[in-house]
PDB file of N, CA and C in Angstrom:
ATOM      1  N   MET A   1       6.067  -8.720 -11.942  1.00  0.00           N
ATOM      2  CA  MET A   1       5.909  -7.362 -11.443  1.00  0.00           C
ATOM      3  C   MET A   1       6.632  -7.259 -10.095  1.00  0.00           C
ATOM      4  N   ALA A   2       7.187  -6.109  -9.816  1.00  0.00           N
ATOM      5  CA  ALA A   2       7.893  -5.871  -8.561  1.00  0.00           C
ATOM      6  C   ALA A   2       6.899  -5.731  -7.410  1.00  0.00           C
ATOM      7  N   ASP A   3       7.425  -5.829  -6.192  1.00  0.00           N
ATOM      8  CA  ASP A   3       6.590  -5.632  -5.006  1.00  0.00           C
ATOM      9  C   ASP A   3       6.091  -4.191  -4.946  1.00  0.00           C
ATOM     10  N   CYS A   4       4.984  -4.000  -4.270  1.00  0.00           N
ATOM     11  CA  CYS A   4       4.411  -2.673  -4.088  1.00  0.00           C
ATOM     12  C   CYS A   4       5.376  -1.781  -3.317  1.00  0.00           C
ATOM     13  N   GLU A   5       5.484  -0.549  -3.748  1.00  0.00           N
ATOM     14  CA  GLU A   5       6.379   0.409  -3.093  1.00  0.00           C
ATOM     15  C   GLU A   5       5.914   0.787  -1.686  1.00  0.00           C
ATOM     16  N   LEU A   6       4.673   0.476  -1.344  1.00  0.00           N
ATOM     17  CA  LEU A   6       4.122   0.856  -0.043  1.00  0.00           C
ATOM     18  C   LEU A   6       4.188  -0.253   0.999  1.00  0.00           C
ATOM     19  N   MET A   7       4.749  -1.409   0.643  1.00  0.00           N
ATOM     20  CA  MET A   7       4.721  -2.558   1.551  1.00  0.00           C
ATOM     21  C   MET A   7       5.283  -2.253   2.938  1.00  0.00           C
ATOM     22  N   SER A   8       6.351  -1.476   3.020  1.00  0.00           N
ATOM     23  CA  SER A   8       6.979  -1.235   4.318  1.00  0.00           C
ATOM     24  C   SER A   8       6.119  -0.388   5.250  1.00  0.00           C
ATOM     25  N   THR A   9       5.198   0.403   4.702  1.00  0.00           N
ATOM     26  CA  THR A   9       4.367   1.264   5.545  1.00  0.00           C
ATOM     27  C   THR A   9       2.886   0.912   5.499  1.00  0.00           C
ATOM     28  N   CYS A  10       2.511  -0.058   4.702  1.00  0.00           N
ATOM     29  CA  CYS A  10       1.099  -0.395   4.532  1.00  0.00           C
ATOM     30  C   CYS A  10       0.543  -1.116   5.762  1.00  0.00           C
ATOM     31  N   PRO A  11      -0.515  -0.587   6.371  1.00  0.00           N
ATOM     32  CA  PRO A  11      -1.085  -1.240   7.543  1.00  0.00           C
ATOM     33  C   PRO A  11      -1.700  -2.597   7.211  1.00  0.00           C
ATOM     34  N   TYR A  12      -2.143  -2.784   5.990  1.00  0.00           N
ATOM     35  CA  TYR A  12      -2.688  -4.091   5.618  1.00  0.00           C
ATOM     36  C   TYR A  12      -1.578  -5.130   5.530  1.00  0.00           C
ATOM     37  N   PHE A  13      -0.506  -4.798   4.852  1.00  0.00           N
ATOM     38  CA  PHE A  13       0.578  -5.762   4.674  1.00  0.00           C
ATOM     39  C   PHE A  13       1.229  -6.108   6.008  1.00  0.00           C
ATOM     40  N   ASN A  14       1.367  -5.138   6.872  1.00  0.00           N
ATOM     41  CA  ASN A  14       2.082  -5.335   8.133  1.00  0.00           C
ATOM     42  C   ASN A  14       1.171  -5.625   9.319  1.00  0.00           C
ATOM     43  N   GLY A  15      -0.130  -5.634   9.114  1.00  0.00           N
ATOM     44  CA  GLY A  15      -1.067  -5.818  10.214  1.00  0.00           C
ATOM     45  C   GLY A  15      -1.443  -7.269  10.453  1.00  0.00           C
ATOM     46  N   ASP A  16      -2.149  -7.460  11.532  1.00  0.00           N
ATOM     47  CA  ASP A  16      -2.663  -8.776  11.896  1.00  0.00           C
ATOM     48  C   ASP A  16      -4.181  -8.684  11.805  1.00  0.00           C
ATOM     49  N   PHE A  17      -4.761  -9.323  10.809  1.00  0.00           N
ATOM     50  CA  PHE A  17      -6.174  -9.161  10.532  1.00  0.00           C
ATOM     51  C   PHE A  17      -6.961 -10.415  10.868  1.00  0.00           C
ATOM     52  N   GLN A  18      -8.239 -10.238  11.059  1.00  0.00           N
ATOM     53  CA  GLN A  18      -9.134 -11.309  11.471  1.00  0.00           C
ATOM     54  C   GLN A  18      -9.553 -12.229  10.326  1.00  0.00           C
ATOM     55  N   GLU A  19      -9.199 -11.887   9.089  1.00  0.00           N
ATOM     56  CA  GLU A  19      -9.636 -12.688   7.954  1.00  0.00           C
ATOM     57  C   GLU A  19      -9.083 -14.106   7.986  1.00  0.00           C
ATOM     58  N   GLY A  20      -8.023 -14.305   8.705  1.00  0.00           N
ATOM     59  CA  GLY A  20      -7.370 -15.600   8.756  1.00  0.00           C
ATOM     60  C   GLY A  20      -6.079 -15.567   7.958  1.00  0.00           C
ATOM     61  N   PRO A  21      -5.115 -16.321   8.370  1.00  0.00           N
ATOM     62  CA  PRO A  21      -3.799 -16.262   7.727  1.00  0.00           C
ATOM     63  C   PRO A  21      -3.810 -16.694   6.263  1.00  0.00           C
ATOM     64  N   GLU A  22      -4.646 -17.649   5.904  1.00  0.00           N
ATOM     65  CA  GLU A  22      -4.663 -18.121   4.519  1.00  0.00           C
ATOM     66  C   GLU A  22      -5.161 -17.029   3.564  1.00  0.00           C
ATOM     67  N   LEU A  23      -6.265 -16.396   3.923  1.00  0.00           N
ATOM     68  CA  LEU A  23      -6.814 -15.341   3.090  1.00  0.00           C
ATOM     69  C   LEU A  23      -5.871 -14.152   3.045  1.00  0.00           C
ATOM     70  N   THR A  24      -5.344 -13.762   4.184  1.00  0.00           N
ATOM     71  CA  THR A  24      -4.427 -12.630   4.243  1.00  0.00           C
ATOM     72  C   THR A  24      -3.220 -12.868   3.352  1.00  0.00           C
ATOM     73  N   GLU A  25      -2.619 -14.038   3.430  1.00  0.00           N
ATOM     74  CA  GLU A  25      -1.448 -14.339   2.607  1.00  0.00           C
ATOM     75  C   GLU A  25      -1.795 -14.372   1.119  1.00  0.00           C
ATOM     76  N   ARG A  26      -2.969 -14.878   0.783  1.00  0.00           N
ATOM     77  CA  ARG A  26      -3.389 -14.913  -0.619  1.00  0.00           C
ATOM     78  C   ARG A  26      -3.560 -13.496  -1.160  1.00  0.00           C
ATOM     79  N   LEU A  27      -4.172 -12.617  -0.367  1.00  0.00           N
ATOM     80  CA  LEU A  27      -4.361 -11.233  -0.804  1.00  0.00           C
ATOM     81  C   LEU A  27      -3.028 -10.497  -0.914  1.00  0.00           C
ATOM     82  N   LYS A  28      -2.129 -10.739   0.014  1.00  0.00           N
ATOM     83  CA  LYS A  28      -0.801 -10.128  -0.054  1.00  0.00           C
ATOM     84  C   LYS A  28      -0.077 -10.579  -1.310  1.00  0.00           C
ATOM     85  N   LYS A  29      -0.172 -11.860  -1.625  1.00  0.00           N
ATOM     86  CA  LYS A  29       0.479 -12.388  -2.826  1.00  0.00           C
ATOM     87  C   LYS A  29      -0.117 -11.757  -4.075  1.00  0.00           C
ATOM     88  N   GLU A  30      -1.440 -11.631  -4.102  1.00  0.00           N
ATOM     89  CA  GLU A  30      -2.130 -11.100  -5.277  1.00  0.00           C
ATOM     90  C   GLU A  30      -1.900  -9.607  -5.462  1.00  0.00           C
ATOM     91  N   TYR A  31      -1.979  -8.843  -4.385  1.00  0.00           N
ATOM     92  CA  TYR A  31      -1.899  -7.392  -4.496  1.00  0.00           C
ATOM     93  C   TYR A  31      -0.539  -6.809  -4.129  1.00  0.00           C
ATOM     94  N   CYS A  32       0.019  -7.182  -3.008  1.00  0.00           N
ATOM     95  CA  CYS A  32       1.271  -6.577  -2.537  1.00  0.00           C
ATOM     96  C   CYS A  32       2.475  -7.059  -3.340  1.00  0.00           C
ATOM     97  N   ARG A  33       2.435  -8.325  -3.711  1.00  0.00           N
ATOM     98  CA  ARG A  33       3.551  -8.903  -4.458  1.00  0.00           C
ATOM     99  C   ARG A  33       3.165  -9.227  -5.902  1.00  0.00           C
ATOM    100  N   GLY A  34       1.966  -8.856  -6.270  1.00  0.00           N
ATOM    101  CA  GLY A  34       1.475  -9.118  -7.617  1.00  0.00           C
ATOM    102  C   GLY A  34       1.127  -7.816  -8.304  1.00  0.00           C
ATOM    103  N   ASP A  35      -0.099  -7.699  -8.767  1.00  0.00           N
ATOM    104  CA  ASP A  35      -0.521  -6.488  -9.462  1.00  0.00           C
ATOM    105  C   ASP A  35      -1.069  -5.483  -8.452  1.00  0.00           C
ATOM    106  N   TYR A  36      -0.164  -4.796  -7.785  1.00  0.00           N
ATOM    107  CA  TYR A  36      -0.556  -3.847  -6.739  1.00  0.00           C
ATOM    108  C   TYR A  36      -1.297  -2.638  -7.301  1.00  0.00           C
ATOM    109  N   THR A  37      -1.253  -2.427  -8.616  1.00  0.00           N
ATOM    110  CA  THR A  37      -1.974  -1.285  -9.193  1.00  0.00           C
ATOM    111  C   THR A  37      -3.487  -1.468  -9.092  1.00  0.00           C
ATOM    112  N   LEU A  38      -3.948  -2.666  -8.725  1.00  0.00           N
ATOM    113  CA  LEU A  38      -5.373  -2.919  -8.524  1.00  0.00           C
ATOM    114  C   LEU A  38      -5.792  -2.772  -7.063  1.00  0.00           C
ATOM    115  N   CYS A  39      -4.843  -2.558  -6.185  1.00  0.00           N
ATOM    116  CA  CYS A  39      -5.112  -2.432  -4.746  1.00  0.00           C
ATOM    117  C   CYS A  39      -5.770  -1.083  -4.449  1.00  0.00           C
ATOM    118  N   GLY A  40      -6.856  -1.102  -3.701  1.00  0.00           N
ATOM    119  CA  GLY A  40      -7.565   0.125  -3.355  1.00  0.00           C
ATOM    120  C   GLY A  40      -6.712   1.105  -2.573  1.00  0.00           C
ATOM    121  N   ARG A  41      -5.914   0.609  -1.662  1.00  0.00           N
ATOM    122  CA  ARG A  41      -5.037   1.493  -0.882  1.00  0.00           C
ATOM    123  C   ARG A  41      -4.013   2.174  -1.788  1.00  0.00           C
ATOM    124  N   TYR A  42      -3.442   1.417  -2.711  1.00  0.00           N
ATOM    125  CA  TYR A  42      -2.455   1.965  -3.640  1.00  0.00           C
ATOM    126  C   TYR A  42      -3.099   2.999  -4.563  1.00  0.00           C
ATOM    127  N   ILE A  43      -4.278   2.703  -5.071  1.00  0.00           N
ATOM    128  CA  ILE A  43      -4.987   3.622  -5.959  1.00  0.00           C
ATOM    129  C   ILE A  43      -5.263   4.944  -5.242  1.00  0.00           C
ATOM    130  N   ALA A  44      -5.737   4.866  -4.010  1.00  0.00           N
ATOM    131  CA  ALA A  44      -6.009   6.078  -3.230  1.00  0.00           C
ATOM    132  C   ALA A  44      -4.725   6.851  -2.951  1.00  0.00           C
ATOM    133  N   TYR A  45      -3.663   6.135  -2.608  1.00  0.00           N
ATOM    134  CA  TYR A  45      -2.370   6.768  -2.339  1.00  0.00           C
ATOM    135  C   TYR A  45      -1.897   7.553  -3.560  1.00  0.00           C
ATOM    136  N   LYS A  46      -1.963   6.937  -4.727  1.00  0.00           N
ATOM    137  CA  LYS A  46      -1.509   7.598  -5.943  1.00  0.00           C
ATOM    138  C   LYS A  46      -2.423   8.769  -6.310  1.00  0.00           C
ATOM    139  N   ALA A  47      -3.714   8.635  -6.088  1.00  0.00           N
ATOM    140  CA  ALA A  47      -4.655   9.703  -6.421  1.00  0.00           C
ATOM    141  C   ALA A  47      -4.406  10.947  -5.572  1.00  0.00           C
ATOM    142  N   LEU A  48      -3.959  10.750  -4.350  1.00  0.00           N
ATOM    143  CA  LEU A  48      -3.750  11.875  -3.431  1.00  0.00           C
ATOM    144  C   LEU A  48      -2.289  12.330  -3.370  1.00  0.00           C
ATOM    145  N   GLU A  49      -1.428  11.739  -4.155  1.00  0.00           N
ATOM    146  CA  GLU A  49      -0.002  12.033  -4.108  1.00  0.00           C
ATOM    147  C   GLU A  49       0.300  13.520  -4.328  1.00  0.00           C
ATOM    148  N   GLY A  50      -0.276  14.118  -5.342  1.00  0.00           N
ATOM    149  CA  GLY A  50      -0.034  15.532  -5.614  1.00  0.00           C
ATOM    150  C   GLY A  50      -0.513  16.426  -4.490  1.00  0.00           C
ATOM    151  N   GLU A  51      -1.659  16.093  -3.914  1.00  0.00           N
ATOM    152  CA  GLU A  51      -2.198  16.881  -2.808  1.00  0.00           C
ATOM    153  C   GLU A  51      -1.286  16.814  -1.582  1.00  0.00           C
ATOM    154  N   ARG A  52      -0.767  15.632  -1.283  1.00  0.00           N
ATOM    155  CA  ARG A  52       0.144  15.487  -0.144  1.00  0.00           C
ATOM    156  C   ARG A  52       1.395  16.327  -0.337  1.00  0.00           C
ATOM    157  N   LYS A  53       1.930  16.331  -1.528  1.00  0.00           N
ATOM    158  CA  LYS A  53       3.155  17.086  -1.799  1.00  0.00           C
ATOM    159  C   LYS A  53       2.921  18.584  -1.679  1.00  0.00           C
ATOM    160  N   ARG A  54       1.761  19.059  -2.101  1.00  0.00           N
ATOM    161  CA  ARG A  54       1.456  20.486  -1.991  1.00  0.00           C
ATOM    162  C   ARG A  54       1.241  20.897  -0.539  1.00  0.00           C
ATOM    163  N   GLU A  55       0.541  20.075   0.229  1.00  0.00           N
ATOM    164  CA  GLU A  55       0.179  20.448   1.597  1.00  0.00           C
ATOM    165  C   GLU A  55       1.333  20.289   2.578  1.00  0.00           C
ATOM    166  N   ASN A  56       2.121  19.243   2.410  1.00  0.00           N
ATOM    167  CA  ASN A  56       3.183  18.982   3.361  1.00  0.00           C
ATOM    168  C   ASN A  56       4.318  18.205   2.683  1.00  0.00           C
ATOM    169  N   PRO A  57       5.184  18.895   1.966  1.00  0.00           N
ATOM    170  CA  PRO A  57       6.229  18.204   1.222  1.00  0.00           C
ATOM    171  C   PRO A  57       7.189  17.410   2.087  1.00  0.00           C
ATOM    172  N   GLU A  58       7.462  17.848   3.309  1.00  0.00           N
ATOM    173  CA  GLU A  58       8.374  17.097   4.182  1.00  0.00           C
ATOM    174  C   GLU A  58       7.760  15.745   4.589  1.00  0.00           C
ATOM    175  N   PHE A  59       6.490  15.736   4.913  1.00  0.00           N
ATOM    176  CA  PHE A  59       5.805  14.491   5.281  1.00  0.00           C
ATOM    177  C   PHE A  59       5.721  13.559   4.074  1.00  0.00           C
ATOM    178  N   ALA A  60       5.394  14.107   2.912  1.00  0.00           N
ATOM    179  CA  ALA A  60       5.286  13.298   1.695  1.00  0.00           C
ATOM    180  C   ALA A  60       6.603  12.619   1.389  1.00  0.00           C
ATOM    181  N   ALA A  61       7.714  13.288   1.609  1.00  0.00           N
ATOM    182  CA  ALA A  61       9.021  12.700   1.353  1.00  0.00           C
ATOM    183  C   ALA A  61       9.297  11.542   2.317  1.00  0.00           C
ATOM    184  N   GLN A  62       8.804  11.614   3.525  1.00  0.00           N
ATOM    185  CA  GLN A  62       9.015  10.559   4.520  1.00  0.00           C
ATOM    186  C   GLN A  62       8.259   9.282   4.176  1.00  0.00           C
ATOM    187  N   ILE A  63       7.071   9.378   3.584  1.00  0.00           N
ATOM    188  CA  ILE A  63       6.284   8.178   3.322  1.00  0.00           C
ATOM    189  C   ILE A  63       6.524   7.594   1.952  1.00  0.00           C
ATOM    190  N   ASN A  64       7.283   8.257   1.115  1.00  0.00           N
ATOM    191  CA  ASN A  64       7.616   7.707  -0.209  1.00  0.00           C
ATOM    192  C   ASN A  64       8.793   6.793  -0.128  1.00  0.00           C
TER     193      ASN A  64
END
């Protein structure tokens, strides 16, 4: 499976978290570089995609 389309803007993928580097890297491998369709952030993003486009199409184009 390809990498998640949100990796460049995802605060989880790009952040520094307290979980520890081993856990963070394992989760990134599983969700960001694996089956990202199971990621809660991705699911929420896709669920709200139509609403974002209706409310602010210019902003929606920037984050896609």
